[in-house]
Structures are given as C-alpha cells and as structure tokens.
Amino acid sequence: MKKIFIVFICSGILLACNNSKTGADNTMTKSASGTKPQQAEFADAKYTDIGKQLMQKMESGDIDAWANSFADNAVYSWSSGDSLTGKKAILDYWKNRRTTVIDSIHFTNDIWLPIKVNQPQKGPDVPGNWLLSWYQVNVKYKTGKRLGFWVHTDYHFDANDKIDRAVQYIDMAPIKAATMK
C-alpha cells in the first residue's frame, strides 16, 4: 500500500511540474516570429521627448509651435466632459488662454510613461502609441492669483507621430475661481 501511495505522490508531483510548465507556455501568445506582442509594452522614448517639448513651448508662450505637435483632426478633451475638435480649435483656445488668462506657467515634477497598446483591453480603447504624463502646474493668472495643482494628461499619436487625441484629467473648480476677477 505504501508503494502505491508513493507512486501516486510521485506521479502527482511530476504532473504538477509538467502542468506549471504548460501553464507558463499558455501565457505566451503567438505571432509570425513565434511570440505575439504583449497587450501593451513600453513605446519609443521619443514620445517622452515630444511631451517635454510641449511643456517647454507652453511655458514660453509659443503656442503656434506647441500646436504643431497636433494632427489636423485632433480632439482635446477634459475630464469634465468639455472638448475641442480640430487643430485650429485647439490652437485658438490655448493661444487665447495663454495670452489673456495665464500670465505665466511652469511645470515641475513631471513623470512620463510612453506606452504602445497592441491590443485594447475592451471597449473603444485606441491601440497605438500613447504618452501618459503626470506633472505639477504652477500658474500665475492675469488676475494676479497663483495656483499650484497636479494634472494627468494622456496623448495618443497617429501614424505620423502627431497627437490626434489628448485627454486631460484636471479639477477645473479652483482654476475657475482663480481666473475670476
């Protein structure tokens, strides 16, 4: 009886080792080269460079150069649900905002994550290259009021490395209060 019991235990261990190897193989996905790209992976660091250049151009007030990073059909939206459609609308909004509302703006403590989405998880997710960013904004408004706050912005890039979608997560209430005369 002991021998049968030992055979069962050894068989179970062998099967368990064999199953864990199979389980690991099941997590691999296939493509022409033998493995399919992961659902998402780090993207080229050039997208981080584009993001940093955007910040520098906004700080300097060169909104025309800033807007050159956007595609003609770009959409810029905020977490509040407001949005701008088209490069011209985005340029006009930010040029007006930067010249008539914002006296000076400075970005600090920035964090960048360029990511390539190979296969969306679900829903209307957009595959391709994204740049996720977090940064602190220190702004002085024309009203004389100053404000510091954190912002999270997601940028999606088209095939020409132009931004075709920007989503900014921001609390507009303190901004509206600081811009009121």
N, C-alpha and C. Protein backbone atom coordinates (compact mmCIF):
# COMPACT_ATOMS: atom_id res chain seq x y z
N MET A 1 0.82 -1.19 0.00
CA MET A 1 0.00 0.00 0.00
C MET A 1 0.87 1.26 0.00
N LYS A 2 1.98 1.21 0.79
CA LYS A 2 2.87 2.34 0.83
C LYS A 2 3.46 2.61 -0.55
N LYS A 3 3.79 1.54 -1.31
CA LYS A 3 4.39 1.71 -2.62
C LYS A 3 3.41 2.37 -3.59
N ILE A 4 2.15 1.98 -3.51
CA ILE A 4 1.13 2.59 -4.39
C ILE A 4 0.96 4.06 -4.03
N PHE A 5 0.94 4.33 -2.72
CA PHE A 5 0.80 5.71 -2.25
C PHE A 5 1.98 6.56 -2.74
N ILE A 6 3.20 6.06 -2.65
CA ILE A 6 4.39 6.77 -3.10
C ILE A 6 4.34 6.98 -4.61
N VAL A 7 3.87 5.99 -5.37
CA VAL A 7 3.74 6.12 -6.82
C VAL A 7 2.76 7.24 -7.16
N PHE A 8 1.63 7.31 -6.44
CA PHE A 8 0.65 8.37 -6.67
C PHE A 8 1.22 9.74 -6.36
N ILE A 9 1.96 9.86 -5.27
CA ILE A 9 2.55 11.14 -4.89
C ILE A 9 3.57 11.57 -5.93
N CYS A 10 4.44 10.64 -6.34
CA CYS A 10 5.46 10.96 -7.36
C CYS A 10 4.80 11.35 -8.68
N SER A 11 3.75 10.62 -9.04
CA SER A 11 3.03 10.94 -10.28
C SER A 11 2.40 12.32 -10.18
N GLY A 12 1.82 12.61 -9.04
CA GLY A 12 1.21 13.93 -8.83
C GLY A 12 2.23 15.05 -8.93
N ILE A 13 3.41 14.84 -8.34
CA ILE A 13 4.46 15.86 -8.40
C ILE A 13 4.92 16.06 -9.84
N LEU A 14 5.13 14.98 -10.55
CA LEU A 14 5.55 15.07 -11.95
C LEU A 14 4.50 15.78 -12.80
N LEU A 15 3.24 15.44 -12.58
CA LEU A 15 2.17 16.10 -13.32
C LEU A 15 2.08 17.58 -12.97
N ALA A 16 2.25 17.89 -11.69
CA ALA A 16 2.18 19.29 -11.26
C ALA A 16 3.31 20.09 -11.90
N CYS A 17 4.50 19.54 -11.91
CA CYS A 17 5.63 20.23 -12.56
C CYS A 17 5.36 20.39 -14.04
N ASN A 18 4.84 19.37 -14.66
CA ASN A 18 4.54 19.41 -16.08
C ASN A 18 3.43 20.41 -16.38
N ASN A 19 2.40 20.48 -15.54
CA ASN A 19 1.29 21.41 -15.72
C ASN A 19 1.74 22.85 -15.56
N SER A 20 2.63 23.12 -14.59
CA SER A 20 3.06 24.50 -14.41
C SER A 20 3.85 24.98 -15.63
N LYS A 21 4.60 24.09 -16.24
CA LYS A 21 5.32 24.45 -17.46
C LYS A 21 4.32 24.74 -18.58
N THR A 22 3.31 23.92 -18.70
CA THR A 22 2.28 24.13 -19.71
C THR A 22 1.56 25.45 -19.43
N GLY A 23 1.27 25.72 -18.15
CA GLY A 23 0.61 26.97 -17.80
C GLY A 23 1.45 28.16 -18.20
N ALA A 24 2.75 28.08 -17.99
CA ALA A 24 3.62 29.18 -18.38
C ALA A 24 3.61 29.34 -19.89
N ASP A 25 3.61 28.23 -20.62
CA ASP A 25 3.57 28.31 -22.07
C ASP A 25 2.26 28.91 -22.55
N ASN A 26 1.17 28.65 -21.81
CA ASN A 26 -0.12 29.19 -22.20
C ASN A 26 -0.17 30.71 -22.09
N THR A 27 0.68 31.31 -21.26
CA THR A 27 0.68 32.76 -21.15
C THR A 27 1.38 33.41 -22.34
N MET A 28 2.17 32.64 -23.06
CA MET A 28 2.81 33.15 -24.27
C MET A 28 1.78 33.19 -25.38
N THR A 29 1.87 34.17 -26.22
CA THR A 29 0.97 34.25 -27.35
C THR A 29 1.78 34.18 -28.63
N LYS A 30 1.16 33.83 -29.72
CA LYS A 30 1.88 33.51 -30.95
C LYS A 30 1.80 34.64 -31.99
N SER A 31 2.86 34.75 -32.80
CA SER A 31 2.88 35.63 -33.96
C SER A 31 3.80 35.02 -35.00
N ALA A 32 4.12 35.75 -36.03
CA ALA A 32 4.97 35.23 -37.11
C ALA A 32 6.35 34.83 -36.57
N SER A 33 6.85 35.56 -35.60
CA SER A 33 8.18 35.25 -35.06
C SER A 33 8.11 34.22 -33.95
N GLY A 34 6.93 33.73 -33.63
CA GLY A 34 6.80 32.72 -32.59
C GLY A 34 6.13 33.24 -31.34
N THR A 35 6.25 34.53 -31.07
CA THR A 35 5.56 35.10 -29.92
C THR A 35 4.80 36.34 -30.38
N LYS A 36 3.60 36.46 -29.91
CA LYS A 36 2.75 37.61 -30.24
C LYS A 36 3.11 38.75 -29.30
N PRO A 37 3.08 39.98 -29.78
CA PRO A 37 3.38 41.09 -28.88
C PRO A 37 2.43 41.08 -27.68
N GLN A 38 2.92 41.55 -26.59
CA GLN A 38 2.08 41.65 -25.41
C GLN A 38 0.96 42.64 -25.66
N GLN A 39 -0.01 42.62 -24.80
CA GLN A 39 -1.16 43.52 -24.93
C GLN A 39 -0.69 44.97 -24.98
N ALA A 40 0.31 45.30 -24.16
CA ALA A 40 0.89 46.64 -24.15
C ALA A 40 2.37 46.51 -23.79
N GLU A 41 3.15 47.48 -24.23
CA GLU A 41 4.58 47.48 -23.96
C GLU A 41 5.08 48.92 -23.95
N PHE A 42 6.29 49.11 -23.46
CA PHE A 42 6.85 50.46 -23.49
C PHE A 42 7.02 50.90 -24.94
N ALA A 43 6.70 52.15 -25.19
CA ALA A 43 6.87 52.72 -26.54
C ALA A 43 8.22 53.44 -26.61
N ASP A 44 8.53 53.92 -27.77
CA ASP A 44 9.77 54.64 -28.02
C ASP A 44 9.86 55.87 -27.11
N ALA A 45 11.03 56.13 -26.59
CA ALA A 45 11.24 57.28 -25.70
C ALA A 45 11.05 58.61 -26.43
N LYS A 46 10.99 58.60 -27.76
CA LYS A 46 10.80 59.85 -28.49
C LYS A 46 9.48 60.52 -28.10
N TYR A 47 8.49 59.72 -27.66
CA TYR A 47 7.22 60.29 -27.26
C TYR A 47 7.37 61.10 -25.96
N THR A 48 8.24 60.66 -25.09
CA THR A 48 8.54 61.44 -23.89
C THR A 48 9.18 62.76 -24.28
N ASP A 49 10.09 62.72 -25.24
CA ASP A 49 10.73 63.95 -25.72
C ASP A 49 9.70 64.91 -26.29
N ILE A 50 8.74 64.38 -27.04
CA ILE A 50 7.67 65.23 -27.59
C ILE A 50 6.89 65.88 -26.45
N GLY A 51 6.56 65.11 -25.42
CA GLY A 51 5.82 65.64 -24.28
C GLY A 51 6.59 66.74 -23.56
N LYS A 52 7.87 66.53 -23.35
CA LYS A 52 8.69 67.54 -22.69
C LYS A 52 8.79 68.82 -23.54
N GLN A 53 8.88 68.65 -24.85
CA GLN A 53 8.91 69.81 -25.74
C GLN A 53 7.59 70.58 -25.68
N LEU A 54 6.48 69.85 -25.58
CA LEU A 54 5.18 70.51 -25.44
C LEU A 54 5.17 71.41 -24.21
N MET A 55 5.67 70.90 -23.10
CA MET A 55 5.70 71.68 -21.86
C MET A 55 6.56 72.94 -22.02
N GLN A 56 7.72 72.80 -22.65
CA GLN A 56 8.60 73.94 -22.84
C GLN A 56 7.95 75.01 -23.72
N LYS A 57 7.28 74.58 -24.76
CA LYS A 57 6.62 75.53 -25.67
C LYS A 57 5.46 76.24 -24.98
N MET A 58 4.70 75.50 -24.15
CA MET A 58 3.60 76.12 -23.41
C MET A 58 4.16 77.13 -22.40
N GLU A 59 5.21 76.76 -21.70
CA GLU A 59 5.82 77.67 -20.73
C GLU A 59 6.29 78.96 -21.40
N SER A 60 6.93 78.85 -22.57
CA SER A 60 7.47 80.02 -23.25
C SER A 60 6.39 80.85 -23.94
N GLY A 61 5.19 80.29 -24.08
CA GLY A 61 4.10 81.01 -24.73
C GLY A 61 4.08 80.84 -26.24
N ASP A 62 4.91 79.94 -26.76
CA ASP A 62 4.96 79.69 -28.21
C ASP A 62 3.88 78.66 -28.58
N ILE A 63 2.65 79.12 -28.58
CA ILE A 63 1.51 78.22 -28.79
C ILE A 63 1.43 77.72 -30.23
N ASP A 64 1.89 78.51 -31.18
CA ASP A 64 1.92 78.03 -32.57
C ASP A 64 2.82 76.80 -32.69
N ALA A 65 4.02 76.87 -32.12
CA ALA A 65 4.93 75.72 -32.15
C ALA A 65 4.35 74.57 -31.34
N TRP A 66 3.72 74.88 -30.21
CA TRP A 66 3.07 73.85 -29.38
C TRP A 66 2.01 73.12 -30.20
N ALA A 67 1.20 73.85 -30.92
CA ALA A 67 0.09 73.26 -31.68
C ALA A 67 0.59 72.45 -32.88
N ASN A 68 1.81 72.68 -33.34
CA ASN A 68 2.34 71.91 -34.47
C ASN A 68 2.49 70.42 -34.14
N SER A 69 2.43 70.08 -32.87
CA SER A 69 2.51 68.67 -32.48
C SER A 69 1.18 67.94 -32.65
N PHE A 70 0.12 68.68 -32.98
CA PHE A 70 -1.22 68.10 -33.10
C PHE A 70 -1.59 67.84 -34.56
N ALA A 71 -2.33 66.76 -34.78
CA ALA A 71 -2.87 66.44 -36.10
C ALA A 71 -4.03 67.39 -36.40
N ASP A 72 -4.33 67.56 -37.67
CA ASP A 72 -5.43 68.45 -38.07
C ASP A 72 -6.77 68.02 -37.48
N ASN A 73 -6.97 66.72 -37.30
CA ASN A 73 -8.25 66.20 -36.79
C ASN A 73 -8.21 65.88 -35.30
N ALA A 74 -7.27 66.46 -34.58
CA ALA A 74 -7.08 66.16 -33.16
C ALA A 74 -8.31 66.53 -32.33
N VAL A 75 -8.47 65.80 -31.23
CA VAL A 75 -9.51 66.09 -30.24
C VAL A 75 -8.80 66.29 -28.91
N TYR A 76 -9.12 67.38 -28.23
CA TYR A 76 -8.55 67.70 -26.92
C TYR A 76 -9.72 67.71 -25.95
N SER A 77 -9.70 66.83 -24.98
CA SER A 77 -10.83 66.77 -24.05
C SER A 77 -10.36 66.80 -22.60
N TRP A 78 -11.27 67.23 -21.75
CA TRP A 78 -11.01 67.31 -20.32
C TRP A 78 -11.90 66.34 -19.59
N SER A 79 -11.50 66.00 -18.37
CA SER A 79 -12.27 65.06 -17.56
C SER A 79 -13.66 65.61 -17.24
N SER A 80 -13.85 66.90 -17.37
CA SER A 80 -15.16 67.50 -17.09
C SER A 80 -16.16 67.22 -18.21
N GLY A 81 -15.66 66.69 -19.34
CA GLY A 81 -16.54 66.39 -20.47
C GLY A 81 -16.45 67.40 -21.59
N ASP A 82 -15.83 68.55 -21.34
CA ASP A 82 -15.64 69.53 -22.40
C ASP A 82 -14.60 69.03 -23.38
N SER A 83 -14.70 69.47 -24.64
CA SER A 83 -13.68 69.07 -25.61
C SER A 83 -13.58 70.09 -26.73
N LEU A 84 -12.45 70.02 -27.42
CA LEU A 84 -12.19 70.82 -28.61
C LEU A 84 -11.91 69.85 -29.74
N THR A 85 -12.41 70.14 -30.93
CA THR A 85 -12.20 69.26 -32.07
C THR A 85 -11.52 70.03 -33.19
N GLY A 86 -10.40 69.49 -33.65
CA GLY A 86 -9.65 70.11 -34.73
C GLY A 86 -8.48 70.92 -34.21
N LYS A 87 -7.39 70.88 -34.95
CA LYS A 87 -6.17 71.59 -34.57
C LYS A 87 -6.41 73.09 -34.42
N LYS A 88 -7.20 73.68 -35.33
CA LYS A 88 -7.45 75.12 -35.27
C LYS A 88 -8.18 75.49 -33.98
N ALA A 89 -9.17 74.71 -33.60
CA ALA A 89 -9.91 75.00 -32.36
C ALA A 89 -9.00 74.88 -31.14
N ILE A 90 -8.13 73.88 -31.15
CA ILE A 90 -7.19 73.68 -30.04
C ILE A 90 -6.21 74.86 -29.99
N LEU A 91 -5.67 75.24 -31.14
CA LEU A 91 -4.74 76.38 -31.22
C LEU A 91 -5.40 77.67 -30.74
N ASP A 92 -6.60 77.95 -31.25
CA ASP A 92 -7.30 79.18 -30.87
C ASP A 92 -7.57 79.24 -29.37
N TYR A 93 -8.04 78.12 -28.80
CA TYR A 93 -8.34 78.08 -27.37
C TYR A 93 -7.09 78.36 -26.55
N TRP A 94 -6.03 77.61 -26.82
CA TRP A 94 -4.84 77.73 -25.99
C TRP A 94 -4.08 79.05 -26.24
N LYS A 95 -4.14 79.57 -27.44
CA LYS A 95 -3.49 80.86 -27.71
C LYS A 95 -4.22 81.95 -26.92
N ASN A 96 -5.53 81.93 -26.94
CA ASN A 96 -6.31 82.89 -26.16
C ASN A 96 -6.06 82.72 -24.66
N ARG A 97 -6.08 81.49 -24.21
CA ARG A 97 -5.89 81.21 -22.79
C ARG A 97 -4.50 81.66 -22.32
N ARG A 98 -3.51 81.35 -23.13
CA ARG A 98 -2.12 81.65 -22.75
C ARG A 98 -1.82 83.15 -22.79
N THR A 99 -2.52 83.89 -23.64
CA THR A 99 -2.23 85.33 -23.75
C THR A 99 -3.17 86.20 -22.93
N THR A 100 -4.42 85.79 -22.71
CA THR A 100 -5.37 86.66 -22.00
C THR A 100 -5.73 86.18 -20.60
N VAL A 101 -5.48 84.92 -20.27
CA VAL A 101 -5.86 84.39 -18.96
C VAL A 101 -4.64 84.06 -18.11
N ILE A 102 -3.63 83.46 -18.72
CA ILE A 102 -2.44 82.99 -18.00
C ILE A 102 -1.30 84.00 -18.17
N ASP A 103 -0.79 84.48 -17.03
CA ASP A 103 0.36 85.38 -17.06
C ASP A 103 1.65 84.58 -17.22
N SER A 104 1.82 83.55 -16.41
CA SER A 104 2.98 82.68 -16.53
C SER A 104 2.59 81.27 -16.06
N ILE A 105 3.31 80.29 -16.61
CA ILE A 105 3.02 78.91 -16.25
C ILE A 105 4.34 78.15 -16.21
N HIS A 106 4.45 77.26 -15.23
CA HIS A 106 5.67 76.47 -15.08
C HIS A 106 5.28 75.06 -14.65
N PHE A 107 5.91 74.09 -15.27
CA PHE A 107 5.63 72.68 -14.98
C PHE A 107 6.81 72.07 -14.23
N THR A 108 6.50 71.31 -13.18
CA THR A 108 7.55 70.65 -12.40
C THR A 108 7.12 69.22 -12.07
N ASN A 109 8.07 68.48 -11.54
CA ASN A 109 7.82 67.12 -11.04
C ASN A 109 7.13 66.24 -12.07
N ASP A 110 7.56 66.34 -13.32
CA ASP A 110 6.90 65.60 -14.39
C ASP A 110 7.32 64.14 -14.42
N ILE A 111 6.36 63.30 -14.75
CA ILE A 111 6.54 61.85 -14.88
C ILE A 111 5.97 61.47 -16.24
N TRP A 112 6.70 60.65 -16.99
CA TRP A 112 6.30 60.28 -18.34
C TRP A 112 6.30 58.77 -18.50
N LEU A 113 5.30 58.26 -19.17
CA LEU A 113 5.22 56.83 -19.47
C LEU A 113 4.76 56.64 -20.91
N PRO A 114 5.70 56.41 -21.85
CA PRO A 114 5.30 56.12 -23.23
C PRO A 114 4.91 54.64 -23.32
N ILE A 115 3.75 54.38 -23.87
CA ILE A 115 3.25 53.01 -23.93
C ILE A 115 2.64 52.74 -25.30
N LYS A 116 2.88 51.55 -25.78
CA LYS A 116 2.30 51.12 -27.05
C LYS A 116 1.23 50.08 -26.74
N VAL A 117 0.01 50.38 -27.10
CA VAL A 117 -1.10 49.45 -26.89
C VAL A 117 -1.24 48.63 -28.16
N ASN A 118 -0.91 47.35 -28.06
CA ASN A 118 -1.00 46.45 -29.21
C ASN A 118 -2.41 45.93 -29.42
N GLN A 119 -3.08 45.68 -28.30
CA GLN A 119 -4.46 45.18 -28.36
C GLN A 119 -5.24 45.79 -27.22
N PRO A 120 -6.26 46.58 -27.53
CA PRO A 120 -7.06 47.19 -26.46
C PRO A 120 -7.66 46.14 -25.55
N GLN A 121 -7.86 46.49 -24.29
CA GLN A 121 -8.42 45.57 -23.32
C GLN A 121 -9.89 45.30 -23.61
N LYS A 122 -10.63 46.36 -23.87
CA LYS A 122 -12.06 46.23 -24.18
C LYS A 122 -12.58 47.58 -24.61
N GLY A 123 -13.78 47.59 -25.11
CA GLY A 123 -14.43 48.84 -25.45
C GLY A 123 -13.75 49.61 -26.57
N PRO A 124 -13.94 50.93 -26.56
CA PRO A 124 -13.44 51.75 -27.65
C PRO A 124 -11.99 52.19 -27.48
N ASP A 125 -11.21 51.44 -26.68
CA ASP A 125 -9.81 51.80 -26.50
C ASP A 125 -9.12 51.92 -27.84
N VAL A 126 -8.19 52.84 -27.93
CA VAL A 126 -7.50 53.10 -29.18
C VAL A 126 -6.10 52.48 -29.11
N PRO A 127 -5.81 51.52 -29.99
CA PRO A 127 -4.46 50.96 -30.00
C PRO A 127 -3.47 51.98 -30.55
N GLY A 128 -2.19 51.71 -30.37
CA GLY A 128 -1.15 52.60 -30.88
C GLY A 128 -0.31 53.17 -29.77
N ASN A 129 0.39 54.24 -30.07
CA ASN A 129 1.31 54.85 -29.12
C ASN A 129 0.63 55.93 -28.29
N TRP A 130 0.80 55.79 -26.99
CA TRP A 130 0.25 56.73 -26.03
C TRP A 130 1.39 57.29 -25.19
N LEU A 131 1.24 58.49 -24.71
CA LEU A 131 2.14 59.06 -23.73
C LEU A 131 1.29 59.47 -22.53
N LEU A 132 1.55 58.85 -21.40
CA LEU A 132 0.84 59.18 -20.16
C LEU A 132 1.76 60.10 -19.36
N SER A 133 1.20 61.18 -18.85
CA SER A 133 2.04 62.14 -18.12
C SER A 133 1.33 62.64 -16.87
N TRP A 134 2.13 62.91 -15.87
CA TRP A 134 1.68 63.50 -14.63
C TRP A 134 2.66 64.61 -14.33
N TYR A 135 2.15 65.76 -13.91
CA TYR A 135 3.04 66.88 -13.62
C TYR A 135 2.32 67.90 -12.75
N GLN A 136 3.13 68.69 -12.08
CA GLN A 136 2.59 69.75 -11.26
C GLN A 136 2.62 71.05 -12.06
N VAL A 137 1.54 71.79 -11.99
CA VAL A 137 1.42 73.06 -12.69
C VAL A 137 1.47 74.18 -11.65
N ASN A 138 2.31 75.15 -11.91
CA ASN A 138 2.37 76.35 -11.09
C ASN A 138 2.07 77.51 -12.04
N VAL A 139 0.94 78.15 -11.79
CA VAL A 139 0.48 79.16 -12.74
C VAL A 139 0.14 80.47 -12.01
N LYS A 140 0.43 81.56 -12.70
CA LYS A 140 0.00 82.88 -12.25
C LYS A 140 -0.95 83.39 -13.31
N TYR A 141 -2.14 83.76 -12.88
CA TYR A 141 -3.16 84.24 -13.81
C TYR A 141 -3.10 85.75 -13.92
N LYS A 142 -3.70 86.29 -14.96
CA LYS A 142 -3.75 87.74 -15.19
C LYS A 142 -4.46 88.45 -14.05
N THR A 143 -5.27 87.72 -13.30
CA THR A 143 -5.96 88.28 -12.14
C THR A 143 -5.00 88.53 -10.98
N GLY A 144 -3.77 88.01 -11.09
CA GLY A 144 -2.79 88.15 -10.01
C GLY A 144 -2.78 86.94 -9.08
N LYS A 145 -3.78 86.09 -9.19
CA LYS A 145 -3.85 84.91 -8.33
C LYS A 145 -2.90 83.83 -8.85
N ARG A 146 -2.37 83.07 -7.90
CA ARG A 146 -1.48 81.96 -8.22
C ARG A 146 -2.13 80.66 -7.79
N LEU A 147 -1.76 79.60 -8.50
CA LEU A 147 -2.35 78.30 -8.21
C LEU A 147 -1.33 77.21 -8.52
N GLY A 148 -1.29 76.20 -7.68
CA GLY A 148 -0.46 75.01 -7.93
C GLY A 148 -1.36 73.79 -7.85
N PHE A 149 -1.24 72.90 -8.82
CA PHE A 149 -2.08 71.70 -8.84
C PHE A 149 -1.43 70.64 -9.72
N TRP A 150 -1.90 69.42 -9.55
CA TRP A 150 -1.41 68.29 -10.34
C TRP A 150 -2.34 68.02 -11.51
N VAL A 151 -1.77 67.60 -12.63
CA VAL A 151 -2.53 67.27 -13.83
C VAL A 151 -2.04 65.93 -14.36
N HIS A 152 -2.97 65.18 -14.89
CA HIS A 152 -2.63 63.94 -15.61
C HIS A 152 -3.15 64.12 -17.04
N THR A 153 -2.27 63.94 -18.03
CA THR A 153 -2.67 64.08 -19.42
C THR A 153 -2.24 62.84 -20.19
N ASP A 154 -3.14 62.35 -21.04
CA ASP A 154 -2.85 61.23 -21.94
C ASP A 154 -2.85 61.76 -23.37
N TYR A 155 -1.81 61.42 -24.12
CA TYR A 155 -1.71 61.81 -25.53
C TYR A 155 -1.67 60.54 -26.38
N HIS A 156 -2.45 60.51 -27.45
CA HIS A 156 -2.38 59.41 -28.42
C HIS A 156 -1.78 59.97 -29.70
N PHE A 157 -0.90 59.18 -30.32
CA PHE A 157 -0.20 59.63 -31.53
C PHE A 157 -0.68 58.86 -32.75
N ASP A 158 -0.84 59.57 -33.87
CA ASP A 158 -1.23 58.92 -35.12
C ASP A 158 0.02 58.32 -35.79
N ALA A 159 -0.13 57.81 -36.98
CA ALA A 159 0.97 57.15 -37.70
C ALA A 159 2.09 58.13 -38.06
N ASN A 160 1.81 59.43 -38.04
CA ASN A 160 2.82 60.44 -38.34
C ASN A 160 3.41 61.08 -37.08
N ASP A 161 3.17 60.44 -35.94
CA ASP A 161 3.64 60.93 -34.63
C ASP A 161 3.09 62.30 -34.28
N LYS A 162 1.88 62.58 -34.76
CA LYS A 162 1.16 63.79 -34.36
C LYS A 162 0.11 63.38 -33.34
N ILE A 163 -0.17 64.25 -32.40
CA ILE A 163 -1.18 63.97 -31.38
C ILE A 163 -2.56 64.08 -32.02
N ASP A 164 -3.31 63.00 -31.97
CA ASP A 164 -4.68 63.05 -32.51
C ASP A 164 -5.72 62.98 -31.40
N ARG A 165 -5.28 62.75 -30.18
CA ARG A 165 -6.19 62.73 -29.04
C ARG A 165 -5.40 63.11 -27.79
N ALA A 166 -5.93 64.08 -27.05
CA ALA A 166 -5.36 64.46 -25.76
C ALA A 166 -6.50 64.46 -24.75
N VAL A 167 -6.27 63.82 -23.63
CA VAL A 167 -7.26 63.77 -22.56
C VAL A 167 -6.59 64.29 -21.30
N GLN A 168 -7.14 65.35 -20.73
CA GLN A 168 -6.54 65.96 -19.56
C GLN A 168 -7.48 65.80 -18.37
N TYR A 169 -6.94 65.22 -17.30
CA TYR A 169 -7.69 64.99 -16.07
C TYR A 169 -7.30 66.09 -15.09
N ILE A 170 -8.27 66.95 -14.81
CA ILE A 170 -7.97 68.16 -14.05
C ILE A 170 -9.23 68.63 -13.33
N ASP A 171 -9.04 69.24 -12.17
CA ASP A 171 -10.16 69.80 -11.42
C ASP A 171 -10.27 71.28 -11.82
N MET A 172 -11.32 71.60 -12.55
CA MET A 172 -11.47 72.95 -13.08
C MET A 172 -11.98 73.97 -12.05
N ALA A 173 -12.59 73.52 -10.95
CA ALA A 173 -13.18 74.45 -9.98
C ALA A 173 -12.16 75.46 -9.43
N PRO A 174 -10.99 75.02 -8.93
CA PRO A 174 -10.05 76.02 -8.43
C PRO A 174 -9.50 76.94 -9.52
N ILE A 175 -9.41 76.43 -10.73
CA ILE A 175 -8.93 77.24 -11.86
C ILE A 175 -9.95 78.33 -12.18
N LYS A 176 -11.21 77.95 -12.22
CA LYS A 176 -12.26 78.95 -12.49
C LYS A 176 -12.28 80.01 -11.40
N ALA A 177 -12.10 79.59 -10.14
CA ALA A 177 -12.09 80.55 -9.04
C ALA A 177 -10.89 81.51 -9.15
N ALA A 178 -9.75 80.99 -9.55
CA ALA A 178 -8.55 81.82 -9.65
C ALA A 178 -8.59 82.78 -10.84
N THR A 179 -9.40 82.48 -11.83
CA THR A 179 -9.45 83.34 -13.02
C THR A 179 -10.58 84.36 -12.96
N MET A 180 -11.40 84.28 -11.92
CA MET A 180 -12.49 85.25 -11.75
C MET A 180 -11.93 86.55 -11.20
N LYS A 181 -12.43 87.65 -11.71
CA LYS A 181 -11.97 88.97 -11.25
C LYS A 181 -12.76 89.43 -10.07
